[in-house]
Amino acid sequence: MVTQAWHRVHPRLTHRAAWLDHEGELPLFERTLIRLEVDRLSKDQAAPAAWSWSSKTVVDDVDIDRAWQAFLRRFDLEQTFRLFKQTLDCTRTRLR
């Protein structure tokens, strides 16, 4: 597992969508950008890096550890629901 964090970065906001009616200069929201990269997934599949934002401007090692643990937990849940839908054919309810 490789983790990296960049502190006090901000997304580039544009005058679109939610900021369409905003007058003047757009605000800066400083956050921490976290990049998580796992070596492999189940069955030796390659995994793309996962990017996430933290609302804290500076995170420590505990916060980064929590981020990758949450990522792995989310991956487990998504694969479980994928199993239910595809393999077990639970895509729609069946009335009896």
PDB file of N, CA and C in Angstrom:
ATOM      1  N   MET A   1       0.861  -1.175   0.000  1.00  0.00           N
ATOM      2  CA  MET A   1       0.000   0.000   0.000  1.00  0.00           C
ATOM      3  C   MET A   1       0.900   1.229   0.000  1.00  0.00           C
ATOM      4  N   VAL A   2       0.671   2.094  -0.947  1.00  0.00           N
ATOM      5  CA  VAL A   2       1.397   3.356  -1.029  1.00  0.00           C
ATOM      6  C   VAL A   2       0.400   4.483  -0.776  1.00  0.00           C
ATOM      7  N   THR A   3       0.715   5.342   0.175  1.00  0.00           N
ATOM      8  CA  THR A   3      -0.148   6.482   0.464  1.00  0.00           C
ATOM      9  C   THR A   3       0.660   7.758   0.314  1.00  0.00           C
ATOM     10  N   GLN A   4       0.027   8.752  -0.254  1.00  0.00           N
ATOM     11  CA  GLN A   4       0.634  10.070  -0.397  1.00  0.00           C
ATOM     12  C   GLN A   4      -0.408  11.108  -0.042  1.00  0.00           C
ATOM     13  N   ALA A   5       0.047  12.243   0.493  1.00  0.00           N
ATOM     14  CA  ALA A   5      -0.879  13.319   0.842  1.00  0.00           C
ATOM     15  C   ALA A   5      -0.258  14.659   0.491  1.00  0.00           C
ATOM     16  N   TRP A   6      -1.090  15.532  -0.053  1.00  0.00           N
ATOM     17  CA  TRP A   6      -0.682  16.903  -0.352  1.00  0.00           C
ATOM     18  C   TRP A   6      -1.584  17.823   0.448  1.00  0.00           C
ATOM     19  N   HIS A   7      -0.978  18.668   1.250  1.00  0.00           N
ATOM     20  CA  HIS A   7      -1.733  19.538   2.145  1.00  0.00           C
ATOM     21  C   HIS A   7      -1.997  20.900   1.509  1.00  0.00           C
ATOM     22  N   ARG A   8      -3.130  21.496   1.907  1.00  0.00           N
ATOM     23  CA  ARG A   8      -3.515  22.842   1.506  1.00  0.00           C
ATOM     24  C   ARG A   8      -3.609  23.040  -0.008  1.00  0.00           C
ATOM     25  N   VAL A   9      -4.171  22.057  -0.694  1.00  0.00           N
ATOM     26  CA  VAL A   9      -4.456  22.222  -2.117  1.00  0.00           C
ATOM     27  C   VAL A   9      -5.937  22.553  -2.262  1.00  0.00           C
ATOM     28  N   HIS A  10      -6.308  23.099  -3.375  1.00  0.00           N
ATOM     29  CA  HIS A  10      -7.711  23.468  -3.565  1.00  0.00           C
ATOM     30  C   HIS A  10      -8.151  23.107  -4.973  1.00  0.00           C
ATOM     31  N   PRO A  11      -9.415  22.707  -5.108  1.00  0.00           N
ATOM     32  CA  PRO A  11      -9.927  22.403  -6.443  1.00  0.00           C
ATOM     33  C   PRO A  11     -10.102  23.683  -7.251  1.00  0.00           C
ATOM     34  N   ARG A  12      -9.980  23.549  -8.524  1.00  0.00           N
ATOM     35  CA  ARG A  12     -10.174  24.696  -9.404  1.00  0.00           C
ATOM     36  C   ARG A  12     -11.664  24.869  -9.654  1.00  0.00           C
ATOM     37  N   LEU A  13     -12.221  25.924  -9.132  1.00  0.00           N
ATOM     38  CA  LEU A  13     -13.643  26.201  -9.319  1.00  0.00           C
ATOM     39  C   LEU A  13     -13.838  27.055 -10.566  1.00  0.00           C
ATOM     40  N   THR A  14     -14.940  26.812 -11.247  1.00  0.00           N
ATOM     41  CA  THR A  14     -15.280  27.607 -12.419  1.00  0.00           C
ATOM     42  C   THR A  14     -16.710  28.114 -12.257  1.00  0.00           C
ATOM     43  N   HIS A  15     -17.068  29.066 -13.057  1.00  0.00           N
ATOM     44  CA  HIS A  15     -18.416  29.638 -13.002  1.00  0.00           C
ATOM     45  C   HIS A  15     -19.392  28.725 -13.746  1.00  0.00           C
ATOM     46  N   ARG A  16     -19.517  27.494 -13.274  1.00  0.00           N
ATOM     47  CA  ARG A  16     -20.462  26.531 -13.822  1.00  0.00           C
ATOM     48  C   ARG A  16     -21.224  25.896 -12.672  1.00  0.00           C
ATOM     49  N   ALA A  17     -22.295  25.263 -12.988  1.00  0.00           N
ATOM     50  CA  ALA A  17     -23.107  24.484 -12.045  1.00  0.00           C
ATOM     51  C   ALA A  17     -23.458  25.304 -10.809  1.00  0.00           C
ATOM     52  N   ALA A  18     -22.988  24.900  -9.652  1.00  0.00           N
ATOM     53  CA  ALA A  18     -23.361  25.557  -8.393  1.00  0.00           C
ATOM     54  C   ALA A  18     -22.826  26.981  -8.298  1.00  0.00           C
ATOM     55  N   TRP A  19     -21.789  27.293  -9.018  1.00  0.00           N
ATOM     56  CA  TRP A  19     -21.164  28.623  -8.940  1.00  0.00           C
ATOM     57  C   TRP A  19     -21.592  29.523 -10.085  1.00  0.00           C
ATOM     58  N   LEU A  20     -22.620  29.139 -10.806  1.00  0.00           N
ATOM     59  CA  LEU A  20     -23.050  29.903 -11.977  1.00  0.00           C
ATOM     60  C   LEU A  20     -23.497  31.317 -11.616  1.00  0.00           C
ATOM     61  N   ASP A  21     -24.237  31.471 -10.524  1.00  0.00           N
ATOM     62  CA  ASP A  21     -24.761  32.778 -10.136  1.00  0.00           C
ATOM     63  C   ASP A  21     -23.850  33.534  -9.178  1.00  0.00           C
ATOM     64  N   HIS A  22     -22.700  32.984  -8.867  1.00  0.00           N
ATOM     65  CA  HIS A  22     -21.792  33.647  -7.929  1.00  0.00           C
ATOM     66  C   HIS A  22     -21.127  34.843  -8.607  1.00  0.00           C
ATOM     67  N   GLU A  23     -21.207  35.973  -7.933  1.00  0.00           N
ATOM     68  CA  GLU A  23     -20.586  37.183  -8.480  1.00  0.00           C
ATOM     69  C   GLU A  23     -19.234  37.397  -7.820  1.00  0.00           C
ATOM     70  N   GLY A  24     -18.321  37.912  -8.563  1.00  0.00           N
ATOM     71  CA  GLY A  24     -16.992  38.200  -8.023  1.00  0.00           C
ATOM     72  C   GLY A  24     -16.068  37.000  -8.119  1.00  0.00           C
ATOM     73  N   GLU A  25     -15.002  37.084  -7.362  1.00  0.00           N
ATOM     74  CA  GLU A  25     -13.986  36.041  -7.398  1.00  0.00           C
ATOM     75  C   GLU A  25     -14.466  34.804  -6.631  1.00  0.00           C
ATOM     76  N   LEU A  26     -14.153  33.643  -7.173  1.00  0.00           N
ATOM     77  CA  LEU A  26     -14.563  32.403  -6.525  1.00  0.00           C
ATOM     78  C   LEU A  26     -13.702  32.132  -5.289  1.00  0.00           C
ATOM     79  N   PRO A  27     -14.281  31.528  -4.251  1.00  0.00           N
ATOM     80  CA  PRO A  27     -13.520  31.272  -3.031  1.00  0.00           C
ATOM     81  C   PRO A  27     -12.539  30.114  -3.211  1.00  0.00           C
ATOM     82  N   LEU A  28     -11.560  30.048  -2.329  1.00  0.00           N
ATOM     83  CA  LEU A  28     -10.616  28.942  -2.299  1.00  0.00           C
ATOM     84  C   LEU A  28     -10.951  28.051  -1.109  1.00  0.00           C
ATOM     85  N   PHE A  29     -11.088  26.770  -1.369  1.00  0.00           N
ATOM     86  CA  PHE A  29     -11.336  25.801  -0.313  1.00  0.00           C
ATOM     87  C   PHE A  29     -10.092  24.942  -0.182  1.00  0.00           C
ATOM     88  N   GLU A  30      -9.306  25.195   0.837  1.00  0.00           N
ATOM     89  CA  GLU A  30      -8.093  24.401   1.026  1.00  0.00           C
ATOM     90  C   GLU A  30      -8.448  23.072   1.666  1.00  0.00           C
ATOM     91  N   ARG A  31      -7.926  22.028   1.110  1.00  0.00           N
ATOM     92  CA  ARG A  31      -8.161  20.668   1.582  1.00  0.00           C
ATOM     93  C   ARG A  31      -6.858  19.879   1.492  1.00  0.00           C
ATOM     94  N   THR A  32      -6.932  18.623   1.879  1.00  0.00           N
ATOM     95  CA  THR A  32      -5.808  17.709   1.709  1.00  0.00           C
ATOM     96  C   THR A  32      -6.206  16.669   0.673  1.00  0.00           C
ATOM     97  N   LEU A  33      -5.351  16.482  -0.304  1.00  0.00           N
ATOM     98  CA  LEU A  33      -5.565  15.494  -1.351  1.00  0.00           C
ATOM     99  C   LEU A  33      -4.792  14.240  -0.973  1.00  0.00           C
ATOM    100  N   ILE A  34      -5.477  13.099  -0.961  1.00  0.00           N
ATOM    101  CA  ILE A  34      -4.856  11.842  -0.560  1.00  0.00           C
ATOM    102  C   ILE A  34      -4.909  10.873  -1.730  1.00  0.00           C
ATOM    103  N   ARG A  35      -3.778  10.236  -2.003  1.00  0.00           N
ATOM    104  CA  ARG A  35      -3.698   9.233  -3.072  1.00  0.00           C
ATOM    105  C   ARG A  35      -3.368   7.888  -2.437  1.00  0.00           C
ATOM    106  N   LEU A  36      -4.205   6.909  -2.719  1.00  0.00           N
ATOM    107  CA  LEU A  36      -4.025   5.564  -2.178  1.00  0.00           C
ATOM    108  C   LEU A  36      -3.809   4.602  -3.335  1.00  0.00           C
ATOM    109  N   GLU A  37      -2.772   3.793  -3.219  1.00  0.00           N
ATOM    110  CA  GLU A  37      -2.483   2.822  -4.272  1.00  0.00           C
ATOM    111  C   GLU A  37      -2.182   1.479  -3.620  1.00  0.00           C
ATOM    112  N   VAL A  38      -2.987   0.487  -3.964  1.00  0.00           N
ATOM    113  CA  VAL A  38      -2.760  -0.856  -3.431  1.00  0.00           C
ATOM    114  C   VAL A  38      -1.947  -1.647  -4.438  1.00  0.00           C
ATOM    115  N   ASP A  39      -1.193  -2.620  -3.940  1.00  0.00           N
ATOM    116  CA  ASP A  39      -0.346  -3.435  -4.811  1.00  0.00           C
ATOM    117  C   ASP A  39      -1.175  -4.307  -5.738  1.00  0.00           C
ATOM    118  N   ARG A  40      -2.188  -4.951  -5.156  1.00  0.00           N
ATOM    119  CA  ARG A  40      -3.041  -5.825  -5.962  1.00  0.00           C
ATOM    120  C   ARG A  40      -4.391  -5.950  -5.273  1.00  0.00           C
ATOM    121  N   LEU A  41      -5.366  -6.364  -6.047  1.00  0.00           N
ATOM    122  CA  LEU A  41      -6.682  -6.680  -5.514  1.00  0.00           C
ATOM    123  C   LEU A  41      -6.820  -8.196  -5.484  1.00  0.00           C
ATOM    124  N   SER A  42      -8.006  -8.676  -5.227  1.00  0.00           N
ATOM    125  CA  SER A  42      -8.203 -10.115  -5.227  1.00  0.00           C
ATOM    126  C   SER A  42      -7.915 -10.686  -6.607  1.00  0.00           C
ATOM    127  N   LYS A  43      -7.450 -11.894  -6.641  1.00  0.00           N
ATOM    128  CA  LYS A  43      -7.105 -12.603  -7.877  1.00  0.00           C
ATOM    129  C   LYS A  43      -6.044 -11.875  -8.690  1.00  0.00           C
ATOM    130  N   ASP A  44      -5.136 -11.197  -8.015  1.00  0.00           N
ATOM    131  CA  ASP A  44      -3.999 -10.522  -8.656  1.00  0.00           C
ATOM    132  C   ASP A  44      -4.392  -9.530  -9.737  1.00  0.00           C
ATOM    133  N   GLN A  45      -5.515  -8.865  -9.558  1.00  0.00           N
ATOM    134  CA  GLN A  45      -5.933  -7.838 -10.505  1.00  0.00           C
ATOM    135  C   GLN A  45      -5.221  -6.530 -10.179  1.00  0.00           C
ATOM    136  N   ALA A  46      -4.855  -5.796 -11.201  1.00  0.00           N
ATOM    137  CA  ALA A  46      -4.242  -4.480 -10.986  1.00  0.00           C
ATOM    138  C   ALA A  46      -5.307  -3.492 -10.531  1.00  0.00           C
ATOM    139  N   ALA A  47      -4.925  -2.611  -9.647  1.00  0.00           N
ATOM    140  CA  ALA A  47      -5.883  -1.640  -9.097  1.00  0.00           C
ATOM    141  C   ALA A  47      -5.440  -0.226  -9.444  1.00  0.00           C
ATOM    142  N   PRO A  48      -6.349   0.591  -9.946  1.00  0.00           N
ATOM    143  CA  PRO A  48      -5.996   1.995 -10.179  1.00  0.00           C
ATOM    144  C   PRO A  48      -5.887   2.733  -8.848  1.00  0.00           C
ATOM    145  N   ALA A  49      -5.158   3.796  -8.851  1.00  0.00           N
ATOM    146  CA  ALA A  49      -5.012   4.590  -7.637  1.00  0.00           C
ATOM    147  C   ALA A  49      -6.342   5.241  -7.271  1.00  0.00           C
ATOM    148  N   ALA A  50      -6.593   5.338  -5.982  1.00  0.00           N
ATOM    149  CA  ALA A  50      -7.812   5.979  -5.491  1.00  0.00           C
ATOM    150  C   ALA A  50      -7.445   7.351  -4.943  1.00  0.00           C
ATOM    151  N   TRP A  51      -8.161   8.361  -5.374  1.00  0.00           N
ATOM    152  CA  TRP A  51      -7.931   9.725  -4.930  1.00  0.00           C
ATOM    153  C   TRP A  51      -9.088  10.147  -4.046  1.00  0.00           C
ATOM    154  N   SER A  52      -8.799  10.836  -2.961  1.00  0.00           N
ATOM    155  CA  SER A  52      -9.865  11.348  -2.110  1.00  0.00           C
ATOM    156  C   SER A  52      -9.459  12.688  -1.520  1.00  0.00           C
ATOM    157  N   TRP A  53     -10.484  13.451  -1.141  1.00  0.00           N
ATOM    158  CA  TRP A  53     -10.282  14.739  -0.498  1.00  0.00           C
ATOM    159  C   TRP A  53     -10.558  14.591   0.984  1.00  0.00           C
ATOM    160  N   SER A  54      -9.803  15.292   1.795  1.00  0.00           N
ATOM    161  CA  SER A  54     -10.086  15.384   3.220  1.00  0.00           C
ATOM    162  C   SER A  54     -10.392  16.838   3.526  1.00  0.00           C
ATOM    163  N   SER A  55     -11.388  17.073   4.362  1.00  0.00           N
ATOM    164  CA  SER A  55     -11.748  18.448   4.678  1.00  0.00           C
ATOM    165  C   SER A  55     -10.725  19.105   5.596  1.00  0.00           C
ATOM    166  N   LYS A  56      -9.852  18.317   6.193  1.00  0.00           N
ATOM    167  CA  LYS A  56      -8.784  18.888   7.010  1.00  0.00           C
ATOM    168  C   LYS A  56      -7.704  19.456   6.096  1.00  0.00           C
ATOM    169  N   THR A  57      -7.136  20.576   6.496  1.00  0.00           N
ATOM    170  CA  THR A  57      -6.080  21.150   5.658  1.00  0.00           C
ATOM    171  C   THR A  57      -4.751  20.439   5.856  1.00  0.00           C
ATOM    172  N   VAL A  58      -4.548  19.869   7.035  1.00  0.00           N
ATOM    173  CA  VAL A  58      -3.336  19.097   7.306  1.00  0.00           C
ATOM    174  C   VAL A  58      -3.758  17.804   7.992  1.00  0.00           C
ATOM    175  N   VAL A  59      -3.341  16.673   7.443  1.00  0.00           N
ATOM    176  CA  VAL A  59      -3.668  15.381   8.034  1.00  0.00           C
ATOM    177  C   VAL A  59      -2.389  14.728   8.543  1.00  0.00           C
ATOM    178  N   ASP A  60      -2.554  13.876   9.529  1.00  0.00           N
ATOM    179  CA  ASP A  60      -1.391  13.150  10.052  1.00  0.00           C
ATOM    180  C   ASP A  60      -1.477  11.692   9.596  1.00  0.00           C
ATOM    181  N   ASP A  61      -0.543  10.890  10.061  1.00  0.00           N
ATOM    182  CA  ASP A  61      -0.490   9.494   9.637  1.00  0.00           C
ATOM    183  C   ASP A  61      -1.731   8.704  10.041  1.00  0.00           C
ATOM    184  N   VAL A  62      -2.323   9.042  11.174  1.00  0.00           N
ATOM    185  CA  VAL A  62      -3.525   8.339  11.629  1.00  0.00           C
ATOM    186  C   VAL A  62      -4.679   8.578  10.654  1.00  0.00           C
ATOM    187  N   ASP A  63      -4.831   9.811  10.187  1.00  0.00           N
ATOM    188  CA  ASP A  63      -5.900  10.124   9.239  1.00  0.00           C
ATOM    189  C   ASP A  63      -5.688   9.418   7.903  1.00  0.00           C
ATOM    190  N   ILE A  64      -4.439   9.336   7.471  1.00  0.00           N
ATOM    191  CA  ILE A  64      -4.147   8.654   6.205  1.00  0.00           C
ATOM    192  C   ILE A  64      -4.404   7.163   6.346  1.00  0.00           C
ATOM    193  N   ASP A  65      -4.032   6.581   7.498  1.00  0.00           N
ATOM    194  CA  ASP A  65      -4.327   5.167   7.732  1.00  0.00           C
ATOM    195  C   ASP A  65      -5.828   4.915   7.728  1.00  0.00           C
ATOM    196  N   ARG A  66      -6.587   5.802   8.322  1.00  0.00           N
ATOM    197  CA  ARG A  66      -8.037   5.669   8.333  1.00  0.00           C
ATOM    198  C   ARG A  66      -8.594   5.754   6.914  1.00  0.00           C
ATOM    199  N   ALA A  67      -7.997   6.582   6.081  1.00  0.00           N
ATOM    200  CA  ALA A  67      -8.468   6.730   4.701  1.00  0.00           C
ATOM    201  C   ALA A  67      -8.270   5.440   3.912  1.00  0.00           C
ATOM    202  N   TRP A  68      -7.112   4.801   4.013  1.00  0.00           N
ATOM    203  CA  TRP A  68      -6.922   3.581   3.231  1.00  0.00           C
ATOM    204  C   TRP A  68      -7.732   2.423   3.802  1.00  0.00           C
ATOM    205  N   GLN A  69      -7.964   2.399   5.109  1.00  0.00           N
ATOM    206  CA  GLN A  69      -8.809   1.358   5.682  1.00  0.00           C
ATOM    207  C   GLN A  69     -10.258   1.527   5.215  1.00  0.00           C
ATOM    208  N   ALA A  70     -10.723   2.769   5.147  1.00  0.00           N
ATOM    209  CA  ALA A  70     -12.077   3.025   4.649  1.00  0.00           C
ATOM    210  C   ALA A  70     -12.190   2.649   3.173  1.00  0.00           C
ATOM    211  N   PHE A  71     -11.129   2.914   2.405  1.00  0.00           N
ATOM    212  CA  PHE A  71     -11.126   2.541   0.985  1.00  0.00           C
ATOM    213  C   PHE A  71     -11.254   1.030   0.827  1.00  0.00           C
ATOM    214  N   LEU A  72     -10.477   0.275   1.600  1.00  0.00           N
ATOM    215  CA  LEU A  72     -10.543  -1.183   1.493  1.00  0.00           C
ATOM    216  C   LEU A  72     -11.903  -1.712   1.937  1.00  0.00           C
ATOM    217  N   ARG A  73     -12.476  -1.110   2.969  1.00  0.00           N
ATOM    218  CA  ARG A  73     -13.798  -1.522   3.429  1.00  0.00           C
ATOM    219  C   ARG A  73     -14.851  -1.246   2.356  1.00  0.00           C
ATOM    220  N   ARG A  74     -14.739  -0.084   1.715  1.00  0.00           N
ATOM    221  CA  ARG A  74     -15.678   0.256   0.654  1.00  0.00           C
ATOM    222  C   ARG A  74     -15.534  -0.713  -0.513  1.00  0.00           C
ATOM    223  N   PHE A  75     -14.308  -1.065  -0.852  1.00  0.00           N
ATOM    224  CA  PHE A  75     -14.080  -2.019  -1.938  1.00  0.00           C
ATOM    225  C   PHE A  75     -14.745  -3.353  -1.618  1.00  0.00           C
ATOM    226  N   ASP A  76     -14.604  -3.826  -0.371  1.00  0.00           N
ATOM    227  CA  ASP A  76     -15.240  -5.080   0.031  1.00  0.00           C
ATOM    228  C   ASP A  76     -16.755  -5.006  -0.129  1.00  0.00           C
ATOM    229  N   LEU A  77     -17.344  -3.901   0.299  1.00  0.00           N
ATOM    230  CA  LEU A  77     -18.803  -3.762   0.187  1.00  0.00           C
ATOM    231  C   LEU A  77     -19.262  -3.719  -1.267  1.00  0.00           C
ATOM    232  N   GLU A  78     -18.522  -2.999  -2.112  1.00  0.00           N
ATOM    233  CA  GLU A  78     -18.913  -2.920  -3.518  1.00  0.00           C
ATOM    234  C   GLU A  78     -18.837  -4.282  -4.193  1.00  0.00           C
ATOM    235  N   GLN A  79     -17.820  -5.063  -3.863  1.00  0.00           N
ATOM    236  CA  GLN A  79     -17.693  -6.389  -4.459  1.00  0.00           C
ATOM    237  C   GLN A  79     -18.792  -7.324  -3.956  1.00  0.00           C
ATOM    238  N   THR A  80     -19.204  -7.151  -2.700  1.00  0.00           N
ATOM    239  CA  THR A  80     -20.289  -7.969  -2.160  1.00  0.00           C
ATOM    240  C   THR A  80     -21.593  -7.675  -2.896  1.00  0.00           C
ATOM    241  N   PHE A  81     -21.912  -6.400  -3.096  1.00  0.00           N
ATOM    242  CA  PHE A  81     -23.131  -6.055  -3.832  1.00  0.00           C
ATOM    243  C   PHE A  81     -23.049  -6.503  -5.288  1.00  0.00           C
ATOM    244  N   ARG A  82     -21.867  -6.456  -5.857  1.00  0.00           N
ATOM    245  CA  ARG A  82     -21.697  -6.936  -7.227  1.00  0.00           C
ATOM    246  C   ARG A  82     -21.996  -8.433  -7.295  1.00  0.00           C
ATOM    247  N   LEU A  83     -21.549  -9.191  -6.290  1.00  0.00           N
ATOM    248  CA  LEU A  83     -21.845 -10.612  -6.233  1.00  0.00           C
ATOM    249  C   LEU A  83     -23.344 -10.843  -6.154  1.00  0.00           C
ATOM    250  N   PHE A  84     -24.022 -10.092  -5.284  1.00  0.00           N
ATOM    251  CA  PHE A  84     -25.468 -10.254  -5.142  1.00  0.00           C
ATOM    252  C   PHE A  84     -26.187  -9.981  -6.457  1.00  0.00           C
ATOM    253  N   LYS A  85     -25.775  -8.957  -7.151  1.00  0.00           N
ATOM    254  CA  LYS A  85     -26.478  -8.563  -8.367  1.00  0.00           C
ATOM    255  C   LYS A  85     -26.188  -9.489  -9.542  1.00  0.00           C
ATOM    256  N   GLN A  86     -24.920  -9.796  -9.766  1.00  0.00           N
ATOM    257  CA  GLN A  86     -24.569 -10.537 -10.968  1.00  0.00           C
ATOM    258  C   GLN A  86     -24.628 -12.044 -10.780  1.00  0.00           C
ATOM    259  N   THR A  87     -23.946 -12.538  -9.785  1.00  0.00           N
ATOM    260  CA  THR A  87     -23.850 -13.984  -9.620  1.00  0.00           C
ATOM    261  C   THR A  87     -25.130 -14.587  -9.081  1.00  0.00           C
ATOM    262  N   LEU A  88     -25.725 -13.939  -8.077  1.00  0.00           N
ATOM    263  CA  LEU A  88     -26.922 -14.493  -7.470  1.00  0.00           C
ATOM    264  C   LEU A  88     -28.202 -13.988  -8.134  1.00  0.00           C
ATOM    265  N   ASP A  89     -28.068 -13.143  -9.142  1.00  0.00           N
ATOM    266  CA  ASP A  89     -29.200 -12.611  -9.914  1.00  0.00           C
ATOM    267  C   ASP A  89     -30.219 -11.928  -9.022  1.00  0.00           C
ATOM    268  N   CYS A  90     -29.762 -11.084  -8.137  1.00  0.00           N
ATOM    269  CA  CYS A  90     -30.652 -10.319  -7.245  1.00  0.00           C
ATOM    270  C   CYS A  90     -30.832  -8.904  -7.778  1.00  0.00           C
ATOM    271  N   THR A  91     -31.201  -8.784  -9.024  1.00  0.00           N
ATOM    272  CA  THR A  91     -31.330  -7.470  -9.619  1.00  0.00           C
ATOM    273  C   THR A  91     -32.717  -6.875  -9.444  1.00  0.00           C
ATOM    274  N   ARG A  92     -33.706  -7.704  -9.168  1.00  0.00           N
ATOM    275  CA  ARG A  92     -35.055  -7.191  -8.954  1.00  0.00           C
ATOM    276  C   ARG A  92     -35.760  -8.064  -7.915  1.00  0.00           C
ATOM    277  N   THR A  93     -36.729  -7.472  -7.288  1.00  0.00           N
ATOM    278  CA  THR A  93     -37.466  -8.224  -6.274  1.00  0.00           C
ATOM    279  C   THR A  93     -38.445  -9.166  -6.950  1.00  0.00           C
ATOM    280  N   ARG A  94     -38.693 -10.260  -6.291  1.00  0.00           N
ATOM    281  CA  ARG A  94     -39.636 -11.245  -6.810  1.00  0.00           C
ATOM    282  C   ARG A  94     -40.733 -11.441  -5.767  1.00  0.00           C
ATOM    283  N   LEU A  95     -41.941 -11.134  -6.174  1.00  0.00           N
ATOM    284  CA  LEU A  95     -43.078 -11.312  -5.268  1.00  0.00           C
ATOM    285  C   LEU A  95     -43.522 -12.769  -5.279  1.00  0.00           C
ATOM    286  N   ARG A  96     -43.851 -13.254  -4.100  1.00  0.00           N
ATOM    287  CA  ARG A  96     -44.284 -14.648  -4.003  1.00  0.00           C
ATOM    288  C   ARG A  96     -45.723 -14.715  -3.586  1.00  0.00           C
TER     289      ARG A  96
END
